[in-house]
Protein backbone atom coordinates (compact mmCIF):
# COMPACT_ATOMS: atom_id res chain seq x y z
CA UNK A 1 0.00 0.00 0.00
CA UNK A 2 1.30 3.43 -0.88
CA UNK A 3 2.26 5.91 1.80
CA UNK A 4 -0.14 8.84 1.80
CA UNK A 5 0.74 12.34 2.93
CA UNK A 6 -2.45 13.33 4.70
CA UNK A 7 -1.31 16.92 5.16
CA UNK A 8 -1.61 17.44 1.41
CA UNK A 9 -5.23 16.26 1.32
CA UNK A 10 -8.12 18.63 1.72
CA UNK A 11 -11.26 17.46 3.53
CA UNK A 12 -13.10 16.34 0.41
CA UNK A 13 -10.18 14.26 -0.89
CA UNK A 14 -9.68 12.62 2.49
CA UNK A 15 -13.39 11.86 2.74
CA UNK A 16 -13.39 10.27 -0.72
CA UNK A 17 -10.37 8.18 0.25
CA UNK A 18 -12.11 7.12 3.46
CA UNK A 19 -15.18 6.10 1.47
CA UNK A 20 -12.96 4.02 -0.83
CA UNK A 21 -11.42 2.28 2.17
CA UNK A 22 -14.88 1.52 3.56
CA UNK A 23 -15.92 0.08 0.19
CA UNK A 24 -12.82 -2.12 0.08
CA UNK A 25 -13.44 -3.30 3.65
CA UNK A 26 -16.99 -4.21 2.68
CA UNK A 27 -15.58 -6.56 0.07
CA UNK A 28 -14.99 -9.85 1.85
CA UNK A 29 -12.48 -10.88 -0.84
CA UNK A 30 -9.65 -9.14 1.06
CA UNK A 31 -7.41 -11.23 3.28
CA UNK A 32 -7.03 -10.42 6.96
CA UNK A 33 -3.67 -8.64 6.63
CA UNK A 34 -4.99 -6.43 3.84
CA UNK A 35 -8.13 -5.65 5.85
CA UNK A 36 -6.04 -4.63 8.86
CA UNK A 37 -3.94 -2.31 6.69
CA UNK A 38 -7.08 -0.82 5.17
CA UNK A 39 -8.62 -0.34 8.60
CA UNK A 40 -5.52 1.47 9.87
CA UNK A 41 -5.52 3.66 6.79
CA UNK A 42 -9.22 4.39 7.28
CA UNK A 43 -8.58 5.48 10.86
CA UNK A 44 -5.92 7.91 9.61
CA UNK A 45 -8.32 9.38 7.04
CA UNK A 46 -11.06 9.66 9.66
CA UNK A 47 -8.77 11.49 12.10
CA UNK A 48 -7.67 13.83 9.32
CA UNK A 49 -11.29 14.59 8.39
CA UNK A 50 -12.18 15.22 12.03
CA UNK A 51 -9.21 17.57 12.40
CA UNK A 52 -10.21 19.50 9.26
CA UNK A 53 -13.79 19.80 10.54
CA UNK A 54 -12.48 21.01 13.90
CA UNK A 55 -10.38 23.67 12.18
CA UNK A 56 -13.36 24.82 10.12
CA UNK A 57 -15.57 24.94 13.21
CA UNK A 58 -13.00 27.05 15.07
CA UNK A 59 -12.74 29.48 12.14
CA UNK A 60 -16.52 29.78 11.93
CA UNK A 61 -16.73 30.46 15.66
CA UNK A 62 -14.09 33.22 15.41
CA UNK A 63 -15.81 34.79 12.41
CA UNK A 64 -19.22 34.57 14.07
CA UNK A 65 -17.93 36.43 17.11
CA UNK A 66 -16.86 39.27 14.81
CA UNK A 67 -20.37 39.75 13.42
CA UNK A 68 -21.96 43.13 14.13
CA UNK A 69 -24.51 42.96 16.93
CA UNK A 70 -23.16 39.68 18.24
CA UNK A 71 -22.32 41.14 21.64
CA UNK A 72 -25.40 43.34 21.93
CA UNK A 73 -27.69 40.42 22.80
CA UNK A 74 -29.75 40.78 19.58
CA UNK A 75 -30.53 37.43 17.99
PDB file of N, CA and C in Angstrom:
ATOM      1  N   UNK A   1       0.834  -1.174   0.000  1.00  0.00           N
ATOM      2  CA  UNK A   1       0.000   0.000   0.000  1.00  0.00           C
ATOM      3  C   UNK A   1       0.884   1.244   0.000  1.00  0.00           C
ATOM      4  N   UNK A   2       0.495   2.220  -0.764  1.00  0.00           N
ATOM      5  CA  UNK A   2       1.296   3.433  -0.880  1.00  0.00           C
ATOM      6  C   UNK A   2       1.194   4.272   0.391  1.00  0.00           C
ATOM      7  N   UNK A   3       2.274   4.980   0.698  1.00  0.00           N
ATOM      8  CA  UNK A   3       2.259   5.911   1.802  1.00  0.00           C
ATOM      9  C   UNK A   3       1.561   7.188   1.349  1.00  0.00           C
ATOM     10  N   UNK A   4       0.642   7.655   2.151  1.00  0.00           N
ATOM     11  CA  UNK A   4      -0.136   8.836   1.795  1.00  0.00           C
ATOM     12  C   UNK A   4       0.248   9.979   2.717  1.00  0.00           C
ATOM     13  N   UNK A   5       0.469  11.149   2.133  1.00  0.00           N
ATOM     14  CA  UNK A   5       0.741  12.338   2.925  1.00  0.00           C
ATOM     15  C   UNK A   5      -0.594  13.024   3.190  1.00  0.00           C
ATOM     16  N   UNK A   6      -1.138  12.793   4.366  1.00  0.00           N
ATOM     17  CA  UNK A   6      -2.452  13.333   4.703  1.00  0.00           C
ATOM     18  C   UNK A   6      -2.471  14.853   4.722  1.00  0.00           C
ATOM     19  N   UNK A   7      -1.356  15.462   5.073  1.00  0.00           N
ATOM     20  CA  UNK A   7      -1.309  16.920   5.163  1.00  0.00           C
ATOM     21  C   UNK A   7      -1.611  17.586   3.827  1.00  0.00           C
ATOM     22  N   UNK A   8      -1.362  16.872   2.736  1.00  0.00           N
ATOM     23  CA  UNK A   8      -1.607  17.439   1.412  1.00  0.00           C
ATOM     24  C   UNK A   8      -3.063  17.300   0.975  1.00  0.00           C
ATOM     25  N   UNK A   9      -3.844  16.491   1.703  1.00  0.00           N
ATOM     26  CA  UNK A   9      -5.229  16.262   1.317  1.00  0.00           C
ATOM     27  C   UNK A   9      -6.166  17.279   1.948  1.00  0.00           C
ATOM     28  N   UNK A  10      -7.079  17.800   1.138  1.00  0.00           N
ATOM     29  CA  UNK A  10      -8.124  18.625   1.721  1.00  0.00           C
ATOM     30  C   UNK A  10      -9.205  17.696   2.267  1.00  0.00           C
ATOM     31  N   UNK A  11     -10.214  18.266   2.897  1.00  0.00           N
ATOM     32  CA  UNK A  11     -11.258  17.463   3.532  1.00  0.00           C
ATOM     33  C   UNK A  11     -11.962  16.553   2.531  1.00  0.00           C
ATOM     34  N   UNK A  12     -12.331  17.108   1.389  1.00  0.00           N
ATOM     35  CA  UNK A  12     -13.099  16.345   0.411  1.00  0.00           C
ATOM     36  C   UNK A  12     -12.309  15.145  -0.120  1.00  0.00           C
ATOM     37  N   UNK A  13     -11.020  15.348  -0.396  1.00  0.00           N
ATOM     38  CA  UNK A  13     -10.179  14.259  -0.895  1.00  0.00           C
ATOM     39  C   UNK A  13     -10.007  13.174   0.165  1.00  0.00           C
ATOM     40  N   UNK A  14      -9.825  13.585   1.408  1.00  0.00           N
ATOM     41  CA  UNK A  14      -9.675  12.617   2.491  1.00  0.00           C
ATOM     42  C   UNK A  14     -10.970  11.848   2.708  1.00  0.00           C
ATOM     43  N   UNK A  15     -12.100  12.530   2.585  1.00  0.00           N
ATOM     44  CA  UNK A  15     -13.385  11.864   2.744  1.00  0.00           C
ATOM     45  C   UNK A  15     -13.614  10.841   1.629  1.00  0.00           C
ATOM     46  N   UNK A  16     -13.270  11.220   0.397  1.00  0.00           N
ATOM     47  CA  UNK A  16     -13.393  10.272  -0.722  1.00  0.00           C
ATOM     48  C   UNK A  16     -12.503   9.050  -0.495  1.00  0.00           C
ATOM     49  N   UNK A  17     -11.282   9.291  -0.021  1.00  0.00           N
ATOM     50  CA  UNK A  17     -10.366   8.182   0.249  1.00  0.00           C
ATOM     51  C   UNK A  17     -10.916   7.288   1.360  1.00  0.00           C
ATOM     52  N   UNK A  18     -11.507   7.895   2.386  1.00  0.00           N
ATOM     53  CA  UNK A  18     -12.108   7.125   3.464  1.00  0.00           C
ATOM     54  C   UNK A  18     -13.260   6.275   2.936  1.00  0.00           C
ATOM     55  N   UNK A  19     -14.069   6.851   2.072  1.00  0.00           N
ATOM     56  CA  UNK A  19     -15.175   6.102   1.474  1.00  0.00           C
ATOM     57  C   UNK A  19     -14.663   4.923   0.652  1.00  0.00           C
ATOM     58  N   UNK A  20     -13.555   5.112  -0.059  1.00  0.00           N
ATOM     59  CA  UNK A  20     -12.957   4.020  -0.834  1.00  0.00           C
ATOM     60  C   UNK A  20     -12.471   2.903   0.086  1.00  0.00           C
ATOM     61  N   UNK A  21     -11.884   3.280   1.216  1.00  0.00           N
ATOM     62  CA  UNK A  21     -11.418   2.283   2.175  1.00  0.00           C
ATOM     63  C   UNK A  21     -12.608   1.496   2.716  1.00  0.00           C
ATOM     64  N   UNK A  22     -13.682   2.194   3.051  1.00  0.00           N
ATOM     65  CA  UNK A  22     -14.880   1.519   3.563  1.00  0.00           C
ATOM     66  C   UNK A  22     -15.430   0.548   2.522  1.00  0.00           C
ATOM     67  N   UNK A  23     -15.464   0.968   1.258  1.00  0.00           N
ATOM     68  CA  UNK A  23     -15.924   0.084   0.189  1.00  0.00           C
ATOM     69  C   UNK A  23     -15.055  -1.164   0.082  1.00  0.00           C
ATOM     70  N   UNK A  24     -13.741  -0.979   0.166  1.00  0.00           N
ATOM     71  CA  UNK A  24     -12.822  -2.123   0.077  1.00  0.00           C
ATOM     72  C   UNK A  24     -12.999  -3.054   1.275  1.00  0.00           C
ATOM     73  N   UNK A  25     -13.230  -2.473   2.459  1.00  0.00           N
ATOM     74  CA  UNK A  25     -13.437  -3.296   3.647  1.00  0.00           C
ATOM     75  C   UNK A  25     -14.748  -4.076   3.556  1.00  0.00           C
ATOM     76  N   UNK A  26     -15.708  -3.533   2.850  1.00  0.00           N
ATOM     77  CA  UNK A  26     -16.988  -4.209   2.681  1.00  0.00           C
ATOM     78  C   UNK A  26     -16.868  -5.424   1.775  1.00  0.00           C
ATOM     79  N   UNK A  27     -15.823  -5.453   0.983  1.00  0.00           N
ATOM     80  CA  UNK A  27     -15.579  -6.564   0.069  1.00  0.00           C
ATOM     81  C   UNK A  27     -14.881  -7.675   0.851  1.00  0.00           C
ATOM     82  N   UNK A  28     -15.548  -8.770   1.040  1.00  0.00           N
ATOM     83  CA  UNK A  28     -14.993  -9.855   1.847  1.00  0.00           C
ATOM     84  C   UNK A  28     -13.876 -10.611   1.131  1.00  0.00           C
ATOM     85  N   UNK A  29     -13.532 -10.208  -0.097  1.00  0.00           N
ATOM     86  CA  UNK A  29     -12.477 -10.884  -0.841  1.00  0.00           C
ATOM     87  C   UNK A  29     -11.083 -10.545  -0.313  1.00  0.00           C
ATOM     88  N   UNK A  30     -10.955  -9.516   0.523  1.00  0.00           N
ATOM     89  CA  UNK A  30      -9.652  -9.138   1.062  1.00  0.00           C
ATOM     90  C   UNK A  30      -9.214 -10.127   2.138  1.00  0.00           C
ATOM     91  N   UNK A  31      -7.910 -10.382   2.201  1.00  0.00           N
ATOM     92  CA  UNK A  31      -7.415 -11.230   3.281  1.00  0.00           C
ATOM     93  C   UNK A  31      -7.265 -10.399   4.552  1.00  0.00           C
ATOM     94  N   UNK A  32      -7.058 -11.073   5.661  1.00  0.00           N
ATOM     95  CA  UNK A  32      -7.032 -10.416   6.960  1.00  0.00           C
ATOM     96  C   UNK A  32      -5.954  -9.344   7.043  1.00  0.00           C
ATOM     97  N   UNK A  33      -4.752  -9.631   6.563  1.00  0.00           N
ATOM     98  CA  UNK A  33      -3.665  -8.645   6.628  1.00  0.00           C
ATOM     99  C   UNK A  33      -4.016  -7.390   5.842  1.00  0.00           C
ATOM    100  N   UNK A  34      -4.591  -7.576   4.663  1.00  0.00           N
ATOM    101  CA  UNK A  34      -4.986  -6.429   3.843  1.00  0.00           C
ATOM    102  C   UNK A  34      -6.093  -5.630   4.531  1.00  0.00           C
ATOM    103  N   UNK A  35      -7.038  -6.327   5.155  1.00  0.00           N
ATOM    104  CA  UNK A  35      -8.126  -5.645   5.852  1.00  0.00           C
ATOM    105  C   UNK A  35      -7.604  -4.832   7.032  1.00  0.00           C
ATOM    106  N   UNK A  36      -6.621  -5.365   7.741  1.00  0.00           N
ATOM    107  CA  UNK A  36      -6.035  -4.628   8.864  1.00  0.00           C
ATOM    108  C   UNK A  36      -5.323  -3.370   8.377  1.00  0.00           C
ATOM    109  N   UNK A  37      -4.609  -3.476   7.263  1.00  0.00           N
ATOM    110  CA  UNK A  37      -3.939  -2.308   6.686  1.00  0.00           C
ATOM    111  C   UNK A  37      -4.969  -1.265   6.247  1.00  0.00           C
ATOM    112  N   UNK A  38      -6.026  -1.733   5.603  1.00  0.00           N
ATOM    113  CA  UNK A  38      -7.080  -0.817   5.167  1.00  0.00           C
ATOM    114  C   UNK A  38      -7.745  -0.129   6.357  1.00  0.00           C
ATOM    115  N   UNK A  39      -7.996  -0.906   7.414  1.00  0.00           N
ATOM    116  CA  UNK A  39      -8.623  -0.339   8.604  1.00  0.00           C
ATOM    117  C   UNK A  39      -7.747   0.755   9.213  1.00  0.00           C
ATOM    118  N   UNK A  40      -6.448   0.477   9.322  1.00  0.00           N
ATOM    119  CA  UNK A  40      -5.519   1.470   9.874  1.00  0.00           C
ATOM    120  C   UNK A  40      -5.493   2.721   9.005  1.00  0.00           C
ATOM    121  N   UNK A  41      -5.508   2.522   7.701  1.00  0.00           N
ATOM    122  CA  UNK A  41      -5.524   3.664   6.786  1.00  0.00           C
ATOM    123  C   UNK A  41      -6.827   4.449   6.942  1.00  0.00           C
ATOM    124  N   UNK A  42      -7.934   3.737   7.083  1.00  0.00           N
ATOM    125  CA  UNK A  42      -9.220   4.393   7.277  1.00  0.00           C
ATOM    126  C   UNK A  42      -9.253   5.233   8.541  1.00  0.00           C
ATOM    127  N   UNK A  43      -8.648   4.726   9.600  1.00  0.00           N
ATOM    128  CA  UNK A  43      -8.581   5.476  10.856  1.00  0.00           C
ATOM    129  C   UNK A  43      -7.801   6.775  10.652  1.00  0.00           C
ATOM    130  N   UNK A  44      -6.708   6.700   9.886  1.00  0.00           N
ATOM    131  CA  UNK A  44      -5.918   7.912   9.613  1.00  0.00           C
ATOM    132  C   UNK A  44      -6.746   8.933   8.829  1.00  0.00           C
ATOM    133  N   UNK A  45      -7.473   8.470   7.813  1.00  0.00           N
ATOM    134  CA  UNK A  45      -8.320   9.380   7.040  1.00  0.00           C
ATOM    135  C   UNK A  45      -9.408   9.989   7.920  1.00  0.00           C
ATOM    136  N   UNK A  46     -10.004   9.176   8.779  1.00  0.00           N
ATOM    137  CA  UNK A  46     -11.059   9.663   9.664  1.00  0.00           C
ATOM    138  C   UNK A  46     -10.521  10.739  10.610  1.00  0.00           C
ATOM    139  N   UNK A  47      -9.371  10.490  11.206  1.00  0.00           N
ATOM    140  CA  UNK A  47      -8.769  11.488  12.101  1.00  0.00           C
ATOM    141  C   UNK A  47      -8.463  12.787  11.354  1.00  0.00           C
ATOM    142  N   UNK A  48      -7.979  12.655  10.123  1.00  0.00           N
ATOM    143  CA  UNK A  48      -7.668  13.834   9.316  1.00  0.00           C
ATOM    144  C   UNK A  48      -8.948  14.622   9.021  1.00  0.00           C
ATOM    145  N   UNK A  49     -10.011  13.920   8.663  1.00  0.00           N
ATOM    146  CA  UNK A  49     -11.294  14.587   8.388  1.00  0.00           C
ATOM    147  C   UNK A  49     -11.815  15.288   9.644  1.00  0.00           C
ATOM    148  N   UNK A  50     -11.732  14.615  10.780  1.00  0.00           N
ATOM    149  CA  UNK A  50     -12.178  15.218  12.033  1.00  0.00           C
ATOM    150  C   UNK A  50     -11.369  16.461  12.375  1.00  0.00           C
ATOM    151  N   UNK A  51     -10.064  16.415  12.128  1.00  0.00           N
ATOM    152  CA  UNK A  51      -9.212  17.574  12.398  1.00  0.00           C
ATOM    153  C   UNK A  51      -9.594  18.743  11.487  1.00  0.00           C
ATOM    154  N   UNK A  52      -9.821  18.447  10.195  1.00  0.00           N
ATOM    155  CA  UNK A  52     -10.215  19.501   9.258  1.00  0.00           C
ATOM    156  C   UNK A  52     -11.551  20.111   9.661  1.00  0.00           C
ATOM    157  N   UNK A  53     -12.498  19.283  10.086  1.00  0.00           N
ATOM    158  CA  UNK A  53     -13.787  19.801  10.544  1.00  0.00           C
ATOM    159  C   UNK A  53     -13.629  20.659  11.796  1.00  0.00           C
ATOM    160  N   UNK A  54     -12.752  20.227  12.689  1.00  0.00           N
ATOM    161  CA  UNK A  54     -12.482  21.010  13.899  1.00  0.00           C
ATOM    162  C   UNK A  54     -11.884  22.368  13.574  1.00  0.00           C
ATOM    163  N   UNK A  55     -10.975  22.397  12.603  1.00  0.00           N
ATOM    164  CA  UNK A  55     -10.384  23.670  12.178  1.00  0.00           C
ATOM    165  C   UNK A  55     -11.449  24.586  11.581  1.00  0.00           C
ATOM    166  N   UNK A  56     -12.300  24.024  10.751  1.00  0.00           N
ATOM    167  CA  UNK A  56     -13.357  24.818  10.122  1.00  0.00           C
ATOM    168  C   UNK A  56     -14.319  25.348  11.181  1.00  0.00           C
ATOM    169  N   UNK A  57     -14.665  24.516  12.141  1.00  0.00           N
ATOM    170  CA  UNK A  57     -15.569  24.940  13.213  1.00  0.00           C
ATOM    171  C   UNK A  57     -14.961  26.084  14.017  1.00  0.00           C
ATOM    172  N   UNK A  58     -13.670  25.997  14.313  1.00  0.00           N
ATOM    173  CA  UNK A  58     -12.995  27.053  15.068  1.00  0.00           C
ATOM    174  C   UNK A  58     -12.989  28.364  14.277  1.00  0.00           C
ATOM    175  N   UNK A  59     -12.734  28.276  12.974  1.00  0.00           N
ATOM    176  CA  UNK A  59     -12.742  29.482  12.137  1.00  0.00           C
ATOM    177  C   UNK A  59     -14.129  30.108  12.089  1.00  0.00           C
ATOM    178  N   UNK A  60     -15.143  29.267  11.970  1.00  0.00           N
ATOM    179  CA  UNK A  60     -16.521  29.778  11.928  1.00  0.00           C
ATOM    180  C   UNK A  60     -16.875  30.453  13.243  1.00  0.00           C
ATOM    181  N   UNK A  61     -16.455  29.871  14.347  1.00  0.00           N
ATOM    182  CA  UNK A  61     -16.726  30.462  15.664  1.00  0.00           C
ATOM    183  C   UNK A  61     -16.068  31.839  15.781  1.00  0.00           C
ATOM    184  N   UNK A  62     -14.812  31.934  15.348  1.00  0.00           N
ATOM    185  CA  UNK A  62     -14.095  33.216  15.406  1.00  0.00           C
ATOM    186  C   UNK A  62     -14.788  34.252  14.530  1.00  0.00           C
ATOM    187  N   UNK A  63     -15.143  33.858  13.323  1.00  0.00           N
ATOM    188  CA  UNK A  63     -15.808  34.791  12.405  1.00  0.00           C
ATOM    189  C   UNK A  63     -17.178  35.190  12.920  1.00  0.00           C
ATOM    190  N   UNK A  64     -17.899  34.265  13.532  1.00  0.00           N
ATOM    191  CA  UNK A  64     -19.224  34.569  14.067  1.00  0.00           C
ATOM    192  C   UNK A  64     -19.151  35.573  15.206  1.00  0.00           C
ATOM    193  N   UNK A  65     -18.099  35.491  15.993  1.00  0.00           N
ATOM    194  CA  UNK A  65     -17.925  36.426  17.105  1.00  0.00           C
ATOM    195  C   UNK A  65     -17.647  37.841  16.613  1.00  0.00           C
ATOM    196  N   UNK A  66     -17.172  37.960  15.380  1.00  0.00           N
ATOM    197  CA  UNK A  66     -16.862  39.266  14.812  1.00  0.00           C
ATOM    198  C   UNK A  66     -18.076  39.902  14.131  1.00  0.00           C
ATOM    199  N   UNK A  67     -19.193  39.192  14.065  1.00  0.00           N
ATOM    200  CA  UNK A  67     -20.374  39.748  13.419  1.00  0.00           C
ATOM    201  C   UNK A  67     -20.904  40.942  14.176  1.00  0.00           C
ATOM    202  N   UNK A  68     -21.359  41.973  13.462  1.00  0.00           N
ATOM    203  CA  UNK A  68     -21.960  43.129  14.135  1.00  0.00           C
ATOM    204  C   UNK A  68     -23.191  42.697  14.923  1.00  0.00           C
ATOM    205  N   UNK A  69     -23.339  43.250  16.105  1.00  0.00           N
ATOM    206  CA  UNK A  69     -24.505  42.963  16.926  1.00  0.00           C
ATOM    207  C   UNK A  69     -24.393  41.673  17.704  1.00  0.00           C
ATOM    208  N   UNK A  70     -23.319  40.950  17.544  1.00  0.00           N
ATOM    209  CA  UNK A  70     -23.162  39.684  18.239  1.00  0.00           C
ATOM    210  C   UNK A  70     -23.126  39.868  19.749  1.00  0.00           C
ATOM    211  N   UNK A  71     -22.468  40.912  20.216  1.00  0.00           N
ATOM    212  CA  UNK A  71     -22.317  41.138  21.642  1.00  0.00           C
ATOM    213  C   UNK A  71     -23.424  41.976  22.239  1.00  0.00           C
ATOM    214  N   UNK A  72     -24.343  42.462  21.410  1.00  0.00           N
ATOM    215  CA  UNK A  72     -25.400  43.339  21.927  1.00  0.00           C
ATOM    216  C   UNK A  72     -26.589  42.560  22.467  1.00  0.00           C
ATOM    217  N   UNK A  73     -26.590  41.230  22.306  1.00  0.00           N
ATOM    218  CA  UNK A  73     -27.687  40.423  22.796  1.00  0.00           C
ATOM    219  C   UNK A  73     -28.817  40.282  21.808  1.00  0.00           C
ATOM    220  N   UNK A  74     -28.718  40.912  20.612  1.00  0.00           N
ATOM    221  CA  UNK A  74     -29.748  40.780  19.584  1.00  0.00           C
ATOM    222  C   UNK A  74     -29.546  39.463  18.868  1.00  0.00           C
ATOM    223  N   UNK A  75     -30.623  38.673  18.749  1.00  0.00           N
ATOM    224  CA  UNK A  75     -30.528  37.425  17.994  1.00  0.00           C
ATOM    225  C   UNK A  75     -31.673  37.289  17.058  1.00  0.00           C
TER     226      UNK A  75
END
